[in-house]
Every structure is written in C-alpha cells, then in structure tokens.
PDB file of N, CA and C in Angstrom:
ATOM      1  N   UNK A   1     167.491  28.416  31.047  1.00  0.00           N
ATOM      2  CA  UNK A   1     167.801  28.064  32.419  1.00  0.00           C
ATOM      3  C   UNK A   1     169.021  28.862  32.854  1.00  0.00           C
ATOM      4  N   UNK A   2     168.915  29.530  33.975  1.00  0.00           N
ATOM      5  CA  UNK A   2     170.024  30.305  34.519  1.00  0.00           C
ATOM      6  C   UNK A   2     170.825  29.437  35.465  1.00  0.00           C
ATOM      7  N   UNK A   3     172.099  29.692  35.496  1.00  0.00           N
ATOM      8  CA  UNK A   3     172.997  28.993  36.405  1.00  0.00           C
ATOM      9  C   UNK A   3     173.728  30.044  37.198  1.00  0.00           C
ATOM     10  N   UNK A   4     173.596  29.982  38.489  1.00  0.00           N
ATOM     11  CA  UNK A   4     174.266  30.939  39.353  1.00  0.00           C
ATOM     12  C   UNK A   4     175.214  30.172  40.254  1.00  0.00           C
ATOM     13  N   UNK A   5     176.435  30.630  40.334  1.00  0.00           N
ATOM     14  CA  UNK A   5     177.407  29.975  41.185  1.00  0.00           C
ATOM     15  C   UNK A   5     178.066  31.035  42.045  1.00  0.00           C
ATOM     16  N   UNK A   6     177.936  30.879  43.327  1.00  0.00           N
ATOM     17  CA  UNK A   6     178.550  31.808  44.281  1.00  0.00           C
ATOM     18  C   UNK A   6     179.819  31.199  44.852  1.00  0.00           C
ATOM     19  N   UNK A   7     180.745  30.841  44.014  1.00  0.00           N
ATOM     20  CA  UNK A   7     181.980  30.217  44.486  1.00  0.00           C
ATOM     21  C   UNK A   7     181.791  28.732  44.644  1.00  0.00           C
ATOM     22  N   UNK A   8     182.077  28.226  45.839  1.00  0.00           N
ATOM     23  CA  UNK A   8     181.998  26.792  46.068  1.00  0.00           C
ATOM     24  C   UNK A   8     180.665  26.354  46.655  1.00  0.00           C
ATOM     25  N   UNK A   9     179.730  27.258  46.799  1.00  0.00           N
ATOM     26  CA  UNK A   9     178.408  26.891  47.298  1.00  0.00           C
ATOM     27  C   UNK A   9     177.648  26.098  46.267  1.00  0.00           C
ATOM     28  N   UNK A  10     176.452  25.659  46.628  1.00  0.00           N
ATOM     29  CA  UNK A  10     175.635  24.893  45.696  1.00  0.00           C
ATOM     30  C   UNK A  10     175.033  25.812  44.651  1.00  0.00           C
ATOM     31  N   UNK A  11     174.940  25.350  43.404  1.00  0.00           N
ATOM     32  CA  UNK A  11     174.252  26.125  42.380  1.00  0.00           C
ATOM     33  C   UNK A  11     172.762  26.176  42.701  1.00  0.00           C
ATOM     34  N   UNK A  12     172.065  27.120  42.078  1.00  0.00           N
ATOM     35  CA  UNK A  12     170.627  27.242  42.315  1.00  0.00           C
ATOM     36  C   UNK A  12     169.875  25.987  41.904  1.00  0.00           C
ATOM     37  N   UNK A  13     170.275  25.358  40.810  1.00  0.00           N
ATOM     38  CA  UNK A  13     169.635  24.132  40.331  1.00  0.00           C
ATOM     39  C   UNK A  13     170.506  22.942  40.711  1.00  0.00           C
ATOM     40  N   UNK A  14     169.971  22.058  41.552  1.00  0.00           N
ATOM     41  CA  UNK A  14     170.707  20.841  41.889  1.00  0.00           C
ATOM     42  C   UNK A  14     169.940  19.659  41.329  1.00  0.00           C
ATOM     43  N   UNK A  15     170.646  18.593  41.063  1.00  0.00           N
ATOM     44  CA  UNK A  15     169.962  17.431  40.504  1.00  0.00           C
ATOM     45  C   UNK A  15     169.496  16.486  41.606  1.00  0.00           C
ATOM     46  N   UNK A  16     168.713  15.517  41.213  1.00  0.00           N
ATOM     47  CA  UNK A  16     168.113  14.584  42.158  1.00  0.00           C
ATOM     48  C   UNK A  16     169.156  13.795  42.943  1.00  0.00           C
ATOM     49  N   UNK A  17     170.235  13.374  42.274  1.00  0.00           N
ATOM     50  CA  UNK A  17     171.272  12.602  42.954  1.00  0.00           C
ATOM     51  C   UNK A  17     171.953  13.434  44.039  1.00  0.00           C
ATOM     52  N   UNK A  18     172.208  14.697  43.732  1.00  0.00           N
ATOM     53  CA  UNK A  18     172.822  15.588  44.718  1.00  0.00           C
ATOM     54  C   UNK A  18     171.914  15.740  45.927  1.00  0.00           C
ATOM     55  N   UNK A  19     170.627  15.885  45.686  1.00  0.00           N
ATOM     56  CA  UNK A  19     169.675  16.004  46.790  1.00  0.00           C
ATOM     57  C   UNK A  19     169.671  14.749  47.653  1.00  0.00           C
ATOM     58  N   UNK A  20     169.730  13.575  47.022  1.00  0.00           N
ATOM     59  CA  UNK A  20     169.762  12.312  47.762  1.00  0.00           C
ATOM     60  C   UNK A  20     170.988  12.238  48.664  1.00  0.00           C
ATOM     61  N   UNK A  21     172.124  12.593  48.105  1.00  0.00           N
ATOM     62  CA  UNK A  21     173.367  12.553  48.882  1.00  0.00           C
ATOM     63  C   UNK A  21     173.277  13.493  50.066  1.00  0.00           C
ATOM     64  N   UNK A  22     172.809  14.708  49.840  1.00  0.00           N
ATOM     65  CA  UNK A  22     172.727  15.697  50.913  1.00  0.00           C
ATOM     66  C   UNK A  22     171.790  15.224  52.014  1.00  0.00           C
ATOM     67  N   UNK A  23     170.646  14.660  51.646  1.00  0.00           N
ATOM     68  CA  UNK A  23     169.701  14.176  52.655  1.00  0.00           C
ATOM     69  C   UNK A  23     170.311  13.053  53.478  1.00  0.00           C
ATOM     70  N   UNK A  24     170.984  12.140  52.814  1.00  0.00           N
ATOM     71  CA  UNK A  24     171.615  11.038  53.534  1.00  0.00           C
ATOM     72  C   UNK A  24     172.729  11.549  54.440  1.00  0.00           C
ATOM     73  N   UNK A  25     173.504  12.497  53.935  1.00  0.00           N
ATOM     74  CA  UNK A  25     174.599  13.049  54.715  1.00  0.00           C
ATOM     75  C   UNK A  25     174.071  13.799  55.930  1.00  0.00           C
ATOM     76  N   UNK A  26     172.971  14.516  55.751  1.00  0.00           N
ATOM     77  CA  UNK A  26     172.375  15.253  56.856  1.00  0.00           C
ATOM     78  C   UNK A  26     171.751  14.316  57.880  1.00  0.00           C
ATOM     79  N   UNK A  27     171.274  13.159  57.425  1.00  0.00           N
ATOM     80  CA  UNK A  27     170.541  12.249  58.299  1.00  0.00           C
ATOM     81  C   UNK A  27     171.440  11.539  59.304  1.00  0.00           C
ATOM     82  N   UNK A  28     172.656  11.251  58.918  1.00  0.00           N
ATOM     83  CA  UNK A  28     173.544  10.528  59.827  1.00  0.00           C
ATOM     84  C   UNK A  28     174.993  10.662  59.400  1.00  0.00           C
ATOM     85  N   UNK A  29     175.877  10.497  60.369  1.00  0.00           N
ATOM     86  CA  UNK A  29     177.292  10.342  60.063  1.00  0.00           C
ATOM     87  C   UNK A  29     177.519   8.850  59.931  1.00  0.00           C
ATOM     88  N   UNK A  30     178.119   8.449  58.851  1.00  0.00           N
ATOM     89  CA  UNK A  30     178.242   7.031  58.559  1.00  0.00           C
ATOM     90  C   UNK A  30     179.394   6.420  59.355  1.00  0.00           C
ATOM     91  N   UNK A  31     179.101   5.348  60.039  1.00  0.00           N
ATOM     92  CA  UNK A  31     180.086   4.619  60.831  1.00  0.00           C
ATOM     93  C   UNK A  31     181.086   3.911  59.926  1.00  0.00           C
ATOM     94  N   UNK A  32     182.308   3.740  60.412  1.00  0.00           N
ATOM     95  CA  UNK A  32     183.300   2.959  59.676  1.00  0.00           C
ATOM     96  C   UNK A  32     182.766   1.553  59.395  1.00  0.00           C
ATOM     97  N   UNK A  33     181.982   1.006  60.310  1.00  0.00           N
ATOM     98  CA  UNK A  33     181.459  -0.343  60.116  1.00  0.00           C
ATOM     99  C   UNK A  33     180.468  -0.406  58.953  1.00  0.00           C
ATOM    100  N   UNK A  34     179.866   0.712  58.600  1.00  0.00           N
ATOM    101  CA  UNK A  34     178.979   0.767  57.436  1.00  0.00           C
ATOM    102  C   UNK A  34     179.789   1.049  56.184  1.00  0.00           C
ATOM    103  N   UNK A  35     180.669   2.032  56.261  1.00  0.00           N
ATOM    104  CA  UNK A  35     181.507   2.395  55.110  1.00  0.00           C
ATOM    105  C   UNK A  35     182.362   1.199  54.682  1.00  0.00           C
ATOM    106  N   UNK A  36     182.969   0.540  55.651  1.00  0.00           N
ATOM    107  CA  UNK A  36     183.823  -0.615  55.366  1.00  0.00           C
ATOM    108  C   UNK A  36     182.998  -1.898  55.484  1.00  0.00           C
ATOM    109  N   UNK A  37     182.086  -2.068  54.559  1.00  0.00           N
ATOM    110  CA  UNK A  37     181.231  -3.261  54.571  1.00  0.00           C
ATOM    111  C   UNK A  37     182.099  -4.508  54.397  1.00  0.00           C
ATOM    112  N   UNK A  38     181.552  -5.643  54.783  1.00  0.00           N
ATOM    113  CA  UNK A  38     182.285  -6.900  54.606  1.00  0.00           C
ATOM    114  C   UNK A  38     182.619  -7.116  53.130  1.00  0.00           C
ATOM    115  N   UNK A  39     181.685  -6.787  52.269  1.00  0.00           N
ATOM    116  CA  UNK A  39     181.903  -6.922  50.820  1.00  0.00           C
ATOM    117  C   UNK A  39     183.095  -6.078  50.372  1.00  0.00           C
ATOM    118  N   UNK A  40     183.154  -4.841  50.830  1.00  0.00           N
ATOM    119  CA  UNK A  40     184.267  -3.954  50.486  1.00  0.00           C
ATOM    120  C   UNK A  40     185.579  -4.515  51.021  1.00  0.00           C
ATOM    121  N   UNK A  41     185.573  -4.951  52.267  1.00  0.00           N
ATOM    122  CA  UNK A  41     186.795  -5.445  52.895  1.00  0.00           C
ATOM    123  C   UNK A  41     187.329  -6.682  52.175  1.00  0.00           C
ATOM    124  N   UNK A  42     186.439  -7.590  51.796  1.00  0.00           N
ATOM    125  CA  UNK A  42     186.883  -8.795  51.082  1.00  0.00           C
ATOM    126  C   UNK A  42     187.438  -8.455  49.699  1.00  0.00           C
ATOM    127  N   UNK A  43     186.878  -7.454  49.067  1.00  0.00           N
ATOM    128  CA  UNK A  43     187.315  -7.088  47.719  1.00  0.00           C
ATOM    129  C   UNK A  43     188.663  -6.368  47.719  1.00  0.00           C
ATOM    130  N   UNK A  44     188.887  -5.473  48.677  1.00  0.00           N
ATOM    131  CA  UNK A  44     190.052  -4.598  48.631  1.00  0.00           C
ATOM    132  C   UNK A  44     191.131  -4.870  49.675  1.00  0.00           C
ATOM    133  N   UNK A  45     190.857  -5.775  50.628  1.00  0.00           N
ATOM    134  CA  UNK A  45     191.845  -6.052  51.676  1.00  0.00           C
ATOM    135  C   UNK A  45     191.997  -7.562  51.853  1.00  0.00           C
ATOM    136  N   UNK A  46     192.897  -7.952  52.720  1.00  0.00           N
ATOM    137  CA  UNK A  46     193.077  -9.370  53.037  1.00  0.00           C
ATOM    138  C   UNK A  46     192.147  -9.808  54.170  1.00  0.00           C
ATOM    139  N   UNK A  47     191.265  -8.925  54.595  1.00  0.00           N
ATOM    140  CA  UNK A  47     190.380  -9.190  55.727  1.00  0.00           C
ATOM    141  C   UNK A  47     188.949  -9.422  55.272  1.00  0.00           C
ATOM    142  N   UNK A  48     188.179 -10.116  56.113  1.00  0.00           N
ATOM    143  CA  UNK A  48     186.770 -10.374  55.832  1.00  0.00           C
ATOM    144  C   UNK A  48     185.846  -9.299  56.378  1.00  0.00           C
ATOM    145  N   UNK A  49     186.360  -8.481  57.294  1.00  0.00           N
ATOM    146  CA  UNK A  49     185.530  -7.439  57.897  1.00  0.00           C
ATOM    147  C   UNK A  49     186.423  -6.339  58.463  1.00  0.00           C
ATOM    148  N   UNK A  50     185.806  -5.195  58.727  1.00  0.00           N
ATOM    149  CA  UNK A  50     186.528  -4.086  59.346  1.00  0.00           C
ATOM    150  C   UNK A  50     186.966  -4.484  60.756  1.00  0.00           C
ATOM    151  N   UNK A  51     186.090  -5.182  61.465  1.00  0.00           N
ATOM    152  CA  UNK A  51     186.419  -5.642  62.816  1.00  0.00           C
ATOM    153  C   UNK A  51     187.660  -6.527  62.795  1.00  0.00           C
ATOM    154  N   UNK A  52     187.722  -7.453  61.835  1.00  0.00           N
ATOM    155  CA  UNK A  52     188.887  -8.331  61.722  1.00  0.00           C
ATOM    156  C   UNK A  52     190.151  -7.518  61.446  1.00  0.00           C
ATOM    157  N   UNK A  53     190.043  -6.517  60.585  1.00  0.00           N
ATOM    158  CA  UNK A  53     191.201  -5.681  60.289  1.00  0.00           C
ATOM    159  C   UNK A  53     191.713  -4.998  61.558  1.00  0.00           C
ATOM    160  N   UNK A  54     190.797  -4.452  62.350  1.00  0.00           N
ATOM    161  CA  UNK A  54     191.207  -3.794  63.592  1.00  0.00           C
ATOM    162  C   UNK A  54     191.867  -4.784  64.544  1.00  0.00           C
ATOM    163  N   UNK A  55     191.269  -5.958  64.677  1.00  0.00           N
ATOM    164  CA  UNK A  55     191.807  -6.969  65.585  1.00  0.00           C
ATOM    165  C   UNK A  55     193.203  -7.424  65.166  1.00  0.00           C
ATOM    166  N   UNK A  56     193.416  -7.605  63.883  1.00  0.00           N
ATOM    167  CA  UNK A  56     194.692  -8.120  63.397  1.00  0.00           C
ATOM    168  C   UNK A  56     195.735  -7.036  63.154  1.00  0.00           C
ATOM    169  N   UNK A  57     195.351  -5.800  63.340  1.00  0.00           N
ATOM    170  CA  UNK A  57     196.292  -4.704  63.090  1.00  0.00           C
ATOM    171  C   UNK A  57     197.404  -4.652  64.131  1.00  0.00           C
ATOM    172  N   UNK A  58     197.132  -5.202  65.317  1.00  0.00           N
ATOM    173  CA  UNK A  58     198.109  -5.108  66.387  1.00  0.00           C
ATOM    174  C   UNK A  58     198.101  -3.740  67.050  1.00  0.00           C
ATOM    175  N   UNK A  59     197.210  -2.885  66.590  1.00  0.00           N
ATOM    176  CA  UNK A  59     197.091  -1.540  67.147  1.00  0.00           C
ATOM    177  C   UNK A  59     195.949  -1.524  68.148  1.00  0.00           C
ATOM    178  N   UNK A  60     196.125  -0.810  69.246  1.00  0.00           N
ATOM    179  CA  UNK A  60     195.065  -0.713  70.245  1.00  0.00           C
ATOM    180  C   UNK A  60     194.078   0.352  69.774  1.00  0.00           C
ATOM    181  N   UNK A  61     192.941  -0.117  69.256  1.00  0.00           N
ATOM    182  CA  UNK A  61     191.928   0.809  68.757  1.00  0.00           C
ATOM    183  C   UNK A  61     190.588   0.418  69.366  1.00  0.00           C
ATOM    184  N   UNK A  62     190.241   1.087  70.450  1.00  0.00           N
ATOM    185  CA  UNK A  62     188.962   0.827  71.101  1.00  0.00           C
ATOM    186  C   UNK A  62     188.047   2.038  71.058  1.00  0.00           C
ATOM    187  N   UNK A  63     188.638   3.206  70.881  1.00  0.00           N
ATOM    188  CA  UNK A  63     187.850   4.438  70.835  1.00  0.00           C
ATOM    189  C   UNK A  63     188.331   5.300  69.673  1.00  0.00           C
ATOM    190  N   UNK A  64     187.562   6.326  69.382  1.00  0.00           N
ATOM    191  CA  UNK A  64     187.965   7.265  68.337  1.00  0.00           C
ATOM    192  C   UNK A  64     189.280   7.947  68.716  1.00  0.00           C
ATOM    193  N   UNK A  65     189.454   8.212  69.999  1.00  0.00           N
ATOM    194  CA  UNK A  65     190.687   8.845  70.470  1.00  0.00           C
ATOM    195  C   UNK A  65     191.896   7.938  70.233  1.00  0.00           C
ATOM    196  N   UNK A  66     191.726   6.634  70.475  1.00  0.00           N
ATOM    197  CA  UNK A  66     192.804   5.673  70.197  1.00  0.00           C
ATOM    198  C   UNK A  66     193.190   5.734  68.728  1.00  0.00           C
ATOM    199  N   UNK A  67     192.185   5.774  67.879  1.00  0.00           N
ATOM    200  CA  UNK A  67     192.420   5.797  66.443  1.00  0.00           C
ATOM    201  C   UNK A  67     193.191   7.053  66.035  1.00  0.00           C
ATOM    202  N   UNK A  68     192.811   8.177  66.604  1.00  0.00           N
ATOM    203  CA  UNK A  68     193.457   9.448  66.263  1.00  0.00           C
ATOM    204  C   UNK A  68     194.908   9.512  66.732  1.00  0.00           C
ATOM    205  N   UNK A  69     195.266   8.717  67.735  1.00  0.00           N
ATOM    206  CA  UNK A  69     196.630   8.720  68.265  1.00  0.00           C
ATOM    207  C   UNK A  69     197.616   7.917  67.415  1.00  0.00           C
ATOM    208  N   UNK A  70     197.110   7.078  66.522  1.00  0.00           N
ATOM    209  CA  UNK A  70     197.983   6.243  65.692  1.00  0.00           C
ATOM    210  C   UNK A  70     198.718   7.122  64.695  1.00  0.00           C
ATOM    211  N   UNK A  71     200.002   6.872  64.546  1.00  0.00           N
ATOM    212  CA  UNK A  71     200.778   7.669  63.588  1.00  0.00           C
ATOM    213  C   UNK A  71     200.335   7.353  62.166  1.00  0.00           C
ATOM    214  N   UNK A  72     200.330   8.375  61.319  1.00  0.00           N
ATOM    215  CA  UNK A  72     199.961   8.188  59.912  1.00  0.00           C
ATOM    216  C   UNK A  72     200.872   7.161  59.258  1.00  0.00           C
ATOM    217  N   UNK A  73     202.155   7.225  59.580  1.00  0.00           N
ATOM    218  CA  UNK A  73     203.120   6.300  58.984  1.00  0.00           C
ATOM    219  C   UNK A  73     202.765   4.855  59.319  1.00  0.00           C
ATOM    220  N   UNK A  74     202.496   4.597  60.588  1.00  0.00           N
ATOM    221  CA  UNK A  74     202.179   3.243  61.051  1.00  0.00           C
ATOM    222  C   UNK A  74     200.896   2.721  60.394  1.00  0.00           C
ATOM    223  N   UNK A  75     199.885   3.567  60.338  1.00  0.00           N
ATOM    224  CA  UNK A  75     198.616   3.167  59.741  1.00  0.00           C
ATOM    225  C   UNK A  75     198.752   2.964  58.235  1.00  0.00           C
ATOM    226  N   UNK A  76     199.438   3.876  57.561  1.00  0.00           N
ATOM    227  CA  UNK A  76     199.638   3.742  56.112  1.00  0.00           C
ATOM    228  C   UNK A  76     200.438   2.488  55.772  1.00  0.00           C
ATOM    229  N   UNK A  77     201.430   2.177  56.573  1.00  0.00           N
ATOM    230  CA  UNK A  77     202.228   0.973  56.351  1.00  0.00           C
ATOM    231  C   UNK A  77     201.358  -0.278  56.472  1.00  0.00           C
ATOM    232  N   UNK A  78     200.521  -0.309  57.495  1.00  0.00           N
ATOM    233  CA  UNK A  78     199.614  -1.442  57.684  1.00  0.00           C
ATOM    234  C   UNK A  78     198.660  -1.572  56.497  1.00  0.00           C
ATOM    235  N   UNK A  79     198.095  -0.466  56.056  1.00  0.00           N
ATOM    236  CA  UNK A  79     197.165  -0.477  54.919  1.00  0.00           C
ATOM    237  C   UNK A  79     197.886  -0.918  53.652  1.00  0.00           C
ATOM    238  N   UNK A  80     199.058  -0.399  53.417  1.00  0.00           N
ATOM    239  CA  UNK A  80     199.846  -0.740  52.222  1.00  0.00           C
ATOM    240  C   UNK A  80     200.138  -2.245  52.168  1.00  0.00           C
ATOM    241  N   UNK A  81     200.421  -2.833  53.327  1.00  0.00           N
ATOM    242  CA  UNK A  81     200.777  -4.255  53.383  1.00  0.00           C
ATOM    243  C   UNK A  81     199.576  -5.201  53.366  1.00  0.00           C
ATOM    244  N   UNK A  82     198.377  -4.660  53.577  1.00  0.00           N
ATOM    245  CA  UNK A  82     197.207  -5.526  53.725  1.00  0.00           C
ATOM    246  C   UNK A  82     196.010  -5.153  52.856  1.00  0.00           C
ATOM    247  N   UNK A  83     196.234  -4.269  51.895  1.00  0.00           N
ATOM    248  CA  UNK A  83     195.127  -3.862  51.028  1.00  0.00           C
ATOM    249  C   UNK A  83     195.646  -3.474  49.650  1.00  0.00           C
ATOM    250  N   UNK A  84     194.726  -3.067  48.795  1.00  0.00           N
ATOM    251  CA  UNK A  84     195.077  -2.605  47.450  1.00  0.00           C
ATOM    252  C   UNK A  84     195.461  -1.129  47.433  1.00  0.00           C
ATOM    253  N   UNK A  85     195.597  -0.504  48.584  1.00  0.00           N
ATOM    254  CA  UNK A  85     195.836   0.936  48.676  1.00  0.00           C
ATOM    255  C   UNK A  85     197.174   1.249  49.327  1.00  0.00           C
ATOM    256  N   UNK A  86     197.661   2.446  49.041  1.00  0.00           N
ATOM    257  CA  UNK A  86     198.944   2.886  49.595  1.00  0.00           C
ATOM    258  C   UNK A  86     198.800   3.640  50.905  1.00  0.00           C
ATOM    259  N   UNK A  87     197.581   4.044  51.248  1.00  0.00           N
ATOM    260  CA  UNK A  87     197.403   4.825  52.471  1.00  0.00           C
ATOM    261  C   UNK A  87     195.995   4.648  53.028  1.00  0.00           C
ATOM    262  N   UNK A  88     195.867   4.989  54.301  1.00  0.00           N
ATOM    263  CA  UNK A  88     194.565   4.977  54.963  1.00  0.00           C
ATOM    264  C   UNK A  88     193.611   5.920  54.231  1.00  0.00           C
ATOM    265  N   UNK A  89     194.086   7.086  53.858  1.00  0.00           N
ATOM    266  CA  UNK A  89     193.250   8.076  53.178  1.00  0.00           C
ATOM    267  C   UNK A  89     192.677   7.512  51.872  1.00  0.00           C
ATOM    268  N   UNK A  90     193.492   6.810  51.097  1.00  0.00           N
ATOM    269  CA  UNK A  90     193.016   6.207  49.846  1.00  0.00           C
ATOM    270  C   UNK A  90     191.962   5.137  50.124  1.00  0.00           C
ATOM    271  N   UNK A  91     192.189   4.335  51.140  1.00  0.00           N
ATOM    272  CA  UNK A  91     191.239   3.291  51.517  1.00  0.00           C
ATOM    273  C   UNK A  91     189.903   3.905  51.910  1.00  0.00           C
ATOM    274  N   UNK A  92     189.939   4.931  52.739  1.00  0.00           N
ATOM    275  CA  UNK A  92     188.715   5.599  53.180  1.00  0.00           C
ATOM    276  C   UNK A  92     187.980   6.205  51.989  1.00  0.00           C
ATOM    277  N   UNK A  93     188.703   6.894  51.117  1.00  0.00           N
ATOM    278  CA  UNK A  93     188.066   7.541  49.967  1.00  0.00           C
ATOM    279  C   UNK A  93     187.348   6.527  49.087  1.00  0.00           C
ATOM    280  N   UNK A  94     187.980   5.405  48.826  1.00  0.00           N
ATOM    281  CA  UNK A  94     187.347   4.372  47.998  1.00  0.00           C
ATOM    282  C   UNK A  94     186.133   3.777  48.703  1.00  0.00           C
ATOM    283  N   UNK A  95     186.236   3.573  50.013  1.00  0.00           N
ATOM    284  CA  UNK A  95     185.110   3.030  50.771  1.00  0.00           C
ATOM    285  C   UNK A  95     183.923   3.988  50.748  1.00  0.00           C
ATOM    286  N   UNK A  96     184.183   5.264  50.921  1.00  0.00           N
ATOM    287  CA  UNK A  96     183.116   6.273  50.880  1.00  0.00           C
ATOM    288  C   UNK A  96     182.481   6.300  49.493  1.00  0.00           C
ATOM    289  N   UNK A  97     183.308   6.320  48.456  1.00  0.00           N
ATOM    290  CA  UNK A  97     182.786   6.323  47.085  1.00  0.00           C
ATOM    291  C   UNK A  97     181.909   5.100  46.830  1.00  0.00           C
ATOM    292  N   UNK A  98     182.372   3.935  47.249  1.00  0.00           N
ATOM    293  CA  UNK A  98     181.599   2.703  47.072  1.00  0.00           C
ATOM    294  C   UNK A  98     180.287   2.745  47.840  1.00  0.00           C
ATOM    295  N   UNK A  99     180.350   3.223  49.063  1.00  0.00           N
ATOM    296  CA  UNK A  99     179.152   3.282  49.902  1.00  0.00           C
ATOM    297  C   UNK A  99     178.080   4.153  49.255  1.00  0.00           C
ATOM    298  N   UNK A 100     178.455   5.356  48.853  1.00  0.00           N
ATOM    299  CA  UNK A 100     177.458   6.261  48.276  1.00  0.00           C
ATOM    300  C   UNK A 100     177.002   5.795  46.898  1.00  0.00           C
ATOM    301  N   UNK A 101     177.854   5.163  46.142  1.00  0.00           N
ATOM    302  CA  UNK A 101     177.440   4.611  44.846  1.00  0.00           C
ATOM    303  C   UNK A 101     176.370   3.539  45.061  1.00  0.00           C
ATOM    304  N   UNK A 102     176.570   2.689  46.065  1.00  0.00           N
ATOM    305  CA  UNK A 102     175.575   1.663  46.370  1.00  0.00           C
ATOM    306  C   UNK A 102     174.284   2.285  46.886  1.00  0.00           C
ATOM    307  N   UNK A 103     174.396   3.291  47.745  1.00  0.00           N
ATOM    308  CA  UNK A 103     173.215   3.962  48.283  1.00  0.00           C
ATOM    309  C   UNK A 103     172.379   4.603  47.181  1.00  0.00           C
ATOM    310  N   UNK A 104     173.054   5.114  46.156  1.00  0.00           N
ATOM    311  CA  UNK A 104     172.366   5.791  45.056  1.00  0.00           C
ATOM    312  C   UNK A 104     172.010   4.848  43.918  1.00  0.00           C
ATOM    313  N   UNK A 105     172.415   3.596  44.038  1.00  0.00           N
ATOM    314  CA  UNK A 105     172.119   2.614  43.008  1.00  0.00           C
ATOM    315  C   UNK A 105     172.904   2.820  41.731  1.00  0.00           C
ATOM    316  N   UNK A 106     174.120   3.331  41.865  1.00  0.00           N
ATOM    317  CA  UNK A 106     174.955   3.579  40.683  1.00  0.00           C
ATOM    318  C   UNK A 106     175.820   2.382  40.357  1.00  0.00           C
TER     319      UNK A 106
END
C-alpha cells in the first residue's frame, strides 16, 4: 500500500471514520445549540442548556454579530467561573470533540 502526502492535504487512502466526518462537515455547519447539547452543558457547566447559559451570562447575545463583539477577556472570565474550562475556546473544542464522537459512535 502506497501512502502519498502532499503536505497538509488528505492522504490518498482515507479511512471510513474520516469519510464520515467529512460528509457530515460538508452537509451542514453545526449550530451552537447542537454542539452544546443539554447533556454536555449539564456535565461541564453549571447550566442545563446553552440557552440558559446565554440568558444568565448578562451579555447581550441575540445575533452572531453580538457574540463577536464580546471581549475575549469577558467571555473567558464567564466561562472560567461557570464551567470546567478556563476559556471559551477550550469549552468549544471539548463540545466539538464530544459532538463528533457521539455522531461517530465513539
């Protein structure tokens, strides 16, 4: 079996799990409400849902633009005080990992 790698592109031979992930990723962009399932929120935060977290954050978040305007410091502080993570980025990464693990049955 030959293996060809052109840098960071996909190798010629990909496995079934990689194909599943790519198809799912191509099919839709996953909403925060899906990534941050109620199960995930109860396990890793003090909230029962992503909606509850937004409501109790005290931050005005009604649109994607509102979300992008929030300072990293303010958001990270809120996450640090209300979850098992030190930053928004860590929370998102764990949520994404959990979501795809569940989708793939891992």
